[in-house]
Amino acid sequence: MKCRFCSASLEQMFVSLGATPLSNSYLTVEDLGKAESFYPLEAYVCPKCFLVQLNEYESPERIFSDYSYFSSYSESWLKHAAEYADRMVELYGIGPKSFVVEVASNDGYLLQYFMGKNVNVLGIEPARNVAGAALRKGVPTVSAFFGSALARRLASEGKADLLLGNNVLAHVPDLNDFVEGLKIMLKPGGVITMEFPHLMRLVEGVQFDTIYHEHFSYFSLMTVERIFAAHGLTVFDVEELATHGGSLRIHATHSPGAMPVSGRVHEMRRLEENRGYADIGFYRGFGEKVKRAKREILAFLVKAKNEGKTIAGYGAPAKGNTLLNYCGIKTDFIDYTVDRNPRKQNK
């Protein structure tokens, strides 16, 4: 197995979560009598670039062909998107003469706020059923996987002043082609923003449920800087966000860019280095922390059930399926789960 960024050999295990099904493949009652595919859920860390990653057992085409996740069901996420649009207008002067492109634009949850400011937008969303929801809202959307080939075709009609992607970088098996596509699609002087769960928060919070087959990669700032630099892009600012258990939002532009690298980038890089994220040995202890968390979760559930308590699940997210499968939690513990998304109900 080779690193998907730098091609170094991967031998150091980060964590093994056993074999699990695809986390967003929700079953109907009729499906329960059929065989279900399980795949090893094992994360490795690259000794050269420190990218934490899974092997690609299932193609993105299969995973995202008919997708269950619709961003607009989360009111907190819509608020996050609206605040982002306001911030980009303030920071970079995004307005009616700008062109904003979102990669993995889902159901138009974010671009609708730029459209409300009379900004020209384009969404790129590979899941056709989700892209259809965006089109029905009137959000211009191309249903395709983003990469260098698509970027060349779209860039011939106009490049982006603001190119963004929220929680897509982790979903990309061919990182180099994807980031090369970002460079092609970005206008000279334009800005890229990408949001992704921060590896440091995953490790320190023992957030093993963030790991599932759709998430091919798990990023520190140091590693993202290396990946972007390899494609002529400079990360010039970084923000820490509370979303998804603790995320980073990076701001990047063409190298060499007009934007000076902020002190926040230097501070976060230094923090990661000081905590060991540039030392392969640091990653060896995470698996034992995850095993301990599993025992604690099960002990809590056993105690609650023995006391006659009812246990409900609030939300049916992909990360919930990692937790349930790894810990072996079934209907003997969980009485019921609720979720606002109709595509997850009665499954």
Protein backbone atom coordinates (compact mmCIF):
# COMPACT_ATOMS: atom_id res chain seq x y z
CA MET A 1 0.00 0.00 0.00
CA LYS A 2 1.37 3.40 -1.05
CA CYS A 3 0.65 6.89 0.28
CA ARG A 4 -1.95 8.58 -1.93
CA PHE A 5 0.03 11.82 -1.86
CA CYS A 6 3.76 11.02 -1.86
CA SER A 7 3.75 7.27 -2.77
CA ALA A 8 5.85 6.24 0.26
CA SER A 9 5.21 2.72 1.56
CA LEU A 10 2.60 2.53 4.32
CA GLU A 11 3.49 0.15 7.13
CA GLN A 12 2.58 2.02 10.33
CA MET A 13 -0.98 1.32 11.49
CA PHE A 14 -2.80 4.29 13.02
CA VAL A 15 -5.90 2.37 14.13
CA SER A 16 -7.84 -0.75 13.15
CA LEU A 17 -11.61 -0.59 13.59
CA GLY A 18 -12.27 -4.08 12.23
CA ALA A 19 -14.49 -4.72 9.21
CA THR A 20 -17.50 -2.46 8.67
CA PRO A 21 -20.06 -1.82 5.92
CA LEU A 22 -20.15 1.49 4.03
CA SER A 23 -21.39 4.00 6.58
CA ASN A 24 -23.96 5.84 4.45
CA SER A 25 -25.50 2.69 2.96
CA TYR A 26 -28.72 2.53 4.99
CA LEU A 27 -30.66 -0.73 4.68
CA THR A 28 -34.36 -1.31 4.15
CA VAL A 29 -36.22 -4.09 5.95
CA GLU A 30 -36.04 -6.12 2.73
CA ASP A 31 -32.23 -5.75 2.68
CA LEU A 32 -31.83 -7.41 6.07
CA GLY A 33 -32.13 -10.89 4.60
CA LYS A 34 -29.38 -10.28 2.06
CA ALA A 35 -25.60 -10.39 2.39
CA GLU A 36 -23.95 -7.06 3.16
CA SER A 37 -20.42 -6.15 2.10
CA PHE A 38 -17.94 -5.44 4.89
CA TYR A 39 -14.53 -3.84 4.30
CA PRO A 40 -11.47 -3.46 6.56
CA LEU A 41 -11.57 -0.10 8.32
CA GLU A 42 -7.87 0.39 8.92
CA ALA A 43 -6.03 3.71 8.91
CA TYR A 44 -2.30 3.97 8.24
CA VAL A 45 0.09 6.91 8.61
CA CYS A 46 2.69 7.85 6.02
CA PRO A 47 6.25 7.97 7.45
CA LYS A 48 7.22 10.72 5.00
CA CYS A 49 4.33 13.23 4.84
CA PHE A 50 2.32 12.02 7.89
CA LEU A 51 -0.93 11.75 5.96
CA VAL A 52 -3.31 9.43 7.84
CA GLN A 53 -5.30 7.43 5.30
CA LEU A 54 -7.43 4.42 4.43
CA ASN A 55 -7.03 2.07 1.53
CA GLU A 56 -9.57 2.52 -1.27
CA TYR A 57 -11.81 -0.56 -1.02
CA GLU A 58 -14.81 0.93 -2.77
CA SER A 59 -14.91 3.46 -5.59
CA PRO A 60 -16.28 6.99 -5.09
CA GLU A 61 -18.66 6.25 -7.97
CA ARG A 62 -20.29 3.50 -5.89
CA ILE A 63 -20.23 5.45 -2.62
CA PHE A 64 -21.68 8.69 -4.00
CA SER A 65 -23.92 7.45 -6.81
CA ASP A 66 -27.08 7.67 -4.68
CA TYR A 67 -26.20 9.59 -1.55
CA SER A 68 -28.08 9.88 1.74
CA TYR A 69 -26.52 13.07 3.12
CA PHE A 70 -28.35 16.34 2.46
CA SER A 71 -26.76 19.36 4.16
CA SER A 72 -29.93 21.43 4.38
CA TYR A 73 -31.49 19.19 7.05
CA SER A 74 -29.05 20.64 9.59
CA GLU A 75 -30.08 24.12 10.75
CA SER A 76 -26.74 24.62 12.52
CA TRP A 77 -24.92 23.82 9.27
CA LEU A 78 -27.08 26.28 7.32
CA LYS A 79 -26.19 28.94 9.89
CA HIS A 80 -22.50 28.05 9.45
CA ALA A 81 -22.88 28.45 5.66
CA ALA A 82 -24.66 31.81 5.92
CA GLU A 83 -21.97 33.15 8.25
CA TYR A 84 -19.27 31.93 5.85
CA ALA A 85 -20.84 33.82 2.93
CA ASP A 86 -20.99 37.02 4.98
CA ARG A 87 -17.35 36.56 6.01
CA MET A 88 -16.10 36.04 2.46
CA VAL A 89 -17.88 39.22 1.34
CA GLU A 90 -16.17 41.10 4.16
CA LEU A 91 -12.70 39.53 3.74
CA TYR A 92 -12.33 39.33 -0.03
CA GLY A 93 -14.91 41.73 -1.41
CA ILE A 94 -16.99 39.00 -3.02
CA GLY A 95 -19.85 40.67 -4.89
CA PRO A 96 -21.96 40.76 -8.07
CA LYS A 97 -18.85 40.79 -10.29
CA SER A 98 -17.36 37.71 -8.58
CA PHE A 99 -17.60 34.05 -9.55
CA VAL A 100 -17.88 31.59 -6.64
CA VAL A 101 -17.45 27.86 -7.26
CA GLU A 102 -18.09 25.19 -4.65
CA VAL A 103 -16.71 21.66 -4.99
CA ALA A 104 -19.02 19.06 -3.41
CA SER A 105 -21.81 21.62 -3.22
CA ASN A 106 -24.37 19.08 -2.00
CA ASP A 107 -27.96 20.39 -2.20
CA GLY A 108 -27.06 24.05 -2.66
CA TYR A 109 -27.07 24.68 1.10
CA LEU A 110 -24.22 27.27 0.88
CA LEU A 111 -24.31 28.74 -2.62
CA GLN A 112 -27.88 29.90 -2.05
CA TYR A 113 -26.51 32.55 0.34
CA PHE A 114 -24.14 33.93 -2.31
CA MET A 115 -26.98 33.93 -4.83
CA GLY A 116 -28.94 36.04 -2.35
CA LYS A 117 -26.10 38.60 -2.65
CA ASN A 118 -26.37 38.56 -6.50
CA VAL A 119 -23.09 36.64 -6.85
CA ASN A 120 -22.56 34.33 -9.83
CA VAL A 121 -22.13 30.77 -8.57
CA LEU A 122 -21.54 27.22 -9.75
CA GLY A 123 -21.85 24.04 -7.72
CA ILE A 124 -20.03 20.79 -8.52
CA GLU A 125 -21.71 17.76 -6.92
CA PRO A 126 -21.06 14.14 -7.98
CA ALA A 127 -24.16 12.60 -6.36
CA ARG A 128 -26.88 13.07 -8.96
CA ASN A 129 -29.79 12.78 -6.54
CA VAL A 130 -28.26 15.49 -4.32
CA ALA A 131 -27.33 17.71 -7.30
CA GLY A 132 -30.95 17.39 -8.42
CA ALA A 133 -32.09 18.90 -5.12
CA ALA A 134 -29.77 21.89 -5.73
CA LEU A 135 -31.05 22.38 -9.27
CA ARG A 136 -34.63 22.38 -8.00
CA LYS A 137 -33.62 25.29 -5.72
CA GLY A 138 -32.29 27.14 -8.74
CA VAL A 139 -28.60 26.70 -7.82
CA PRO A 140 -26.52 26.14 -11.01
CA THR A 141 -24.90 22.73 -10.51
CA VAL A 142 -22.75 20.34 -12.54
CA SER A 143 -23.09 16.70 -11.49
CA ALA A 144 -19.57 15.31 -11.85
CA PHE A 145 -16.49 14.33 -9.85
CA PHE A 146 -14.02 17.20 -9.59
CA GLY A 147 -10.46 16.79 -10.82
CA SER A 148 -7.98 18.27 -13.28
CA ALA A 149 -9.91 17.21 -16.42
CA LEU A 150 -13.20 18.78 -15.28
CA ALA A 151 -11.34 21.87 -14.03
CA ARG A 152 -9.80 22.44 -17.47
CA ARG A 153 -13.19 22.19 -19.14
CA LEU A 154 -14.90 24.55 -16.67
CA ALA A 155 -11.96 26.99 -16.49
CA SER A 156 -12.18 27.55 -20.25
CA GLU A 157 -15.54 29.23 -19.54
CA GLY A 158 -14.35 31.18 -16.47
CA LYS A 159 -12.15 30.75 -13.41
CA ALA A 160 -13.18 31.24 -9.79
CA ASP A 161 -12.54 34.30 -7.64
CA LEU A 162 -13.49 32.14 -4.66
CA LEU A 163 -13.16 28.36 -4.86
CA LEU A 164 -14.39 26.47 -1.83
CA GLY A 165 -14.93 22.98 -0.52
CA ASN A 166 -16.39 21.98 2.84
CA ASN A 167 -15.64 18.45 4.04
CA VAL A 168 -14.65 17.21 0.60
CA LEU A 169 -10.84 16.96 0.84
CA ALA A 170 -11.12 13.86 3.04
CA HIS A 171 -13.45 12.19 0.51
CA VAL A 172 -10.96 12.30 -2.40
CA PRO A 173 -8.94 9.16 -3.22
CA ASP A 174 -6.80 10.90 -5.89
CA LEU A 175 -5.58 13.87 -3.86
CA ASN A 176 -3.00 15.06 -6.37
CA ASP A 177 -5.46 15.21 -9.27
CA PHE A 178 -8.01 16.99 -7.08
CA VAL A 179 -5.62 19.68 -5.80
CA GLU A 180 -4.22 20.14 -9.31
CA GLY A 181 -7.81 20.77 -10.39
CA LEU A 182 -8.14 23.46 -7.71
CA LYS A 183 -5.09 25.23 -9.09
CA ILE A 184 -6.44 25.09 -12.64
CA MET A 185 -9.87 26.39 -11.61
CA LEU A 186 -8.56 29.33 -9.54
CA LYS A 187 -8.29 32.78 -11.09
CA PRO A 188 -4.96 34.65 -10.64
CA GLY A 189 -5.37 36.47 -7.33
CA GLY A 190 -8.29 34.22 -6.39
CA VAL A 191 -8.71 32.45 -3.06
CA ILE A 192 -9.39 28.83 -2.13
CA THR A 193 -10.98 27.90 1.19
CA MET A 194 -11.23 24.29 2.34
CA GLU A 195 -12.74 22.98 5.56
CA PHE A 196 -11.88 19.53 6.94
CA PRO A 197 -11.81 17.77 10.31
CA HIS A 198 -8.51 18.47 12.06
CA LEU A 199 -6.40 15.38 12.77
CA MET A 200 -5.22 16.93 16.03
CA ARG A 201 -8.81 17.15 17.31
CA LEU A 202 -9.51 13.60 16.17
CA VAL A 203 -6.50 12.29 18.12
CA GLU A 204 -6.93 14.38 21.26
CA GLY A 205 -10.69 13.72 21.47
CA VAL A 206 -10.28 10.02 20.51
CA GLN A 207 -12.86 10.73 17.80
CA PHE A 208 -12.46 7.37 16.10
CA ASP A 209 -16.02 7.60 14.74
CA THR A 210 -14.82 10.30 12.32
CA ILE A 211 -13.09 7.43 10.49
CA TYR A 212 -15.20 5.66 7.85
CA HIS A 213 -14.72 4.46 4.28
CA GLU A 214 -15.91 7.70 2.62
CA HIS A 215 -13.14 9.56 4.45
CA PHE A 216 -10.03 8.39 2.62
CA SER A 217 -7.68 10.88 4.36
CA TYR A 218 -7.26 12.69 7.73
CA PHE A 219 -5.28 15.91 7.77
CA SER A 220 -2.97 17.97 9.89
CA LEU A 221 -2.20 21.50 8.71
CA MET A 222 1.42 20.46 8.06
CA THR A 223 0.37 17.76 5.62
CA VAL A 224 -2.15 19.95 3.80
CA GLU A 225 0.53 22.62 3.36
CA ARG A 226 2.80 20.03 1.73
CA ILE A 227 0.08 18.78 -0.60
CA PHE A 228 -0.93 22.27 -1.73
CA ALA A 229 2.69 23.42 -2.12
CA ALA A 230 3.38 20.45 -4.40
CA HIS A 231 0.76 21.91 -6.76
CA GLY A 232 1.89 25.54 -6.62
CA LEU A 233 -0.56 26.69 -3.96
CA THR A 234 0.26 28.48 -0.70
CA VAL A 235 -1.81 28.21 2.49
CA PHE A 236 -1.75 31.78 3.81
CA ASP A 237 -4.29 31.62 6.64
CA VAL A 238 -6.02 29.06 8.85
CA GLU A 239 -9.02 29.19 11.18
CA GLU A 240 -10.05 26.73 13.87
CA LEU A 241 -13.74 25.78 13.73
CA ALA A 242 -15.97 23.90 16.15
CA THR A 243 -17.72 21.93 13.38
CA HIS A 244 -17.39 18.14 13.13
CA GLY A 245 -15.61 17.81 16.45
CA GLY A 246 -13.02 20.45 15.53
CA SER A 247 -12.10 21.45 11.99
CA LEU A 248 -9.68 23.71 10.14
CA ARG A 249 -10.57 26.19 7.41
CA ILE A 250 -7.54 26.95 5.28
CA HIS A 251 -7.20 29.90 2.91
CA ALA A 252 -4.89 29.36 -0.06
CA THR A 253 -3.83 31.07 -3.27
CA HIS A 254 -1.40 30.66 -6.16
CA SER A 255 2.33 30.54 -5.29
CA PRO A 256 3.94 32.99 -5.02
CA GLY A 257 0.84 34.87 -3.93
CA ALA A 258 0.02 38.41 -3.03
CA MET A 259 -1.25 37.28 0.38
CA PRO A 260 1.29 37.22 3.24
CA VAL A 261 1.27 34.04 5.33
CA SER A 262 -0.51 34.85 8.59
CA GLY A 263 0.84 34.25 12.06
CA ARG A 264 -1.98 31.74 12.62
CA VAL A 265 -0.45 29.39 10.04
CA HIS A 266 2.96 29.53 11.73
CA GLU A 267 1.38 29.05 15.17
CA MET A 268 -0.70 26.03 14.16
CA ARG A 269 2.23 24.40 12.36
CA ARG A 270 4.42 24.92 15.44
CA LEU A 271 1.68 23.54 17.73
CA GLU A 272 1.35 20.37 15.62
CA GLU A 273 5.12 19.86 15.56
CA ASN A 274 5.41 20.39 19.33
CA ARG A 275 2.68 17.81 19.97
CA GLY A 276 4.38 15.17 17.86
CA TYR A 277 2.51 15.16 14.56
CA ALA A 278 5.81 15.16 12.62
CA ASP A 279 7.06 12.06 14.50
CA ILE A 280 5.94 8.63 13.24
CA GLY A 281 6.26 7.22 16.75
CA PHE A 282 3.58 9.60 18.02
CA TYR A 283 0.89 7.80 16.03
CA ARG A 284 1.48 4.37 17.56
CA GLY A 285 -0.50 4.94 20.76
CA PHE A 286 -3.83 5.93 19.26
CA GLY A 287 -5.14 2.39 18.74
CA GLU A 288 -4.96 1.60 22.47
CA LYS A 289 -6.86 4.80 23.32
CA VAL A 290 -9.62 3.72 20.93
CA LYS A 291 -9.88 0.27 22.54
CA ARG A 292 -10.21 1.90 25.96
CA ALA A 293 -12.94 4.22 24.66
CA LYS A 294 -14.83 1.21 23.29
CA ARG A 295 -14.75 -0.52 26.68
CA GLU A 296 -15.96 2.64 28.41
CA ILE A 297 -18.84 3.10 25.96
CA LEU A 298 -19.96 -0.51 26.38
CA ALA A 299 -19.66 -0.31 30.18
CA PHE A 300 -21.90 2.77 30.16
CA LEU A 301 -24.50 1.08 27.94
CA VAL A 302 -24.52 -2.14 29.98
CA LYS A 303 -24.98 -0.16 33.21
CA ALA A 304 -27.80 1.93 31.73
CA LYS A 305 -29.64 -1.13 30.41
CA ASN A 306 -29.22 -3.03 33.68
CA GLU A 307 -30.84 -0.06 35.41
CA GLY A 308 -33.84 -0.36 33.09
CA LYS A 309 -33.09 2.83 31.13
CA THR A 310 -34.08 3.53 27.52
CA ILE A 311 -31.28 4.50 25.13
CA ALA A 312 -32.09 6.58 22.03
CA GLY A 313 -29.87 7.74 19.20
CA TYR A 314 -30.25 11.38 18.15
CA GLY A 315 -29.34 11.57 14.47
CA ALA A 316 -28.21 8.78 12.13
CA PRO A 317 -24.86 10.09 10.85
CA ALA A 318 -22.15 8.13 9.08
CA LYS A 319 -19.93 8.41 12.16
CA GLY A 320 -22.70 6.81 14.21
CA ASN A 321 -22.40 3.71 12.03
CA THR A 322 -18.66 3.50 12.73
CA LEU A 323 -19.35 3.65 16.46
CA LEU A 324 -22.15 1.07 16.33
CA ASN A 325 -20.23 -1.39 14.16
CA TYR A 326 -16.88 -1.11 15.94
CA CYS A 327 -18.44 -1.43 19.39
CA GLY A 328 -20.95 -4.11 18.34
CA ILE A 329 -23.92 -2.03 19.52
CA LYS A 330 -27.25 -3.30 18.19
CA THR A 331 -30.92 -3.21 19.16
CA ASP A 332 -30.12 -4.93 22.45
CA PHE A 333 -28.73 -1.54 23.52
CA ILE A 334 -30.29 1.10 21.25
CA ASP A 335 -34.09 1.29 21.45
CA TYR A 336 -34.58 3.74 18.59
CA THR A 337 -32.92 6.49 16.57
CA VAL A 338 -34.38 9.71 15.13
CA ASP A 339 -33.20 11.74 12.14
CA ARG A 340 -34.80 14.60 10.17
CA ASN A 341 -33.57 13.25 6.82
CA PRO A 342 -36.36 11.15 5.21
CA ARG A 343 -33.72 9.12 3.31
CA LYS A 344 -32.54 7.70 6.65
CA GLN A 345 -35.97 7.04 8.15
CA ASN A 346 -37.43 3.51 8.35
CA LYS A 347 -34.00 2.10 7.50
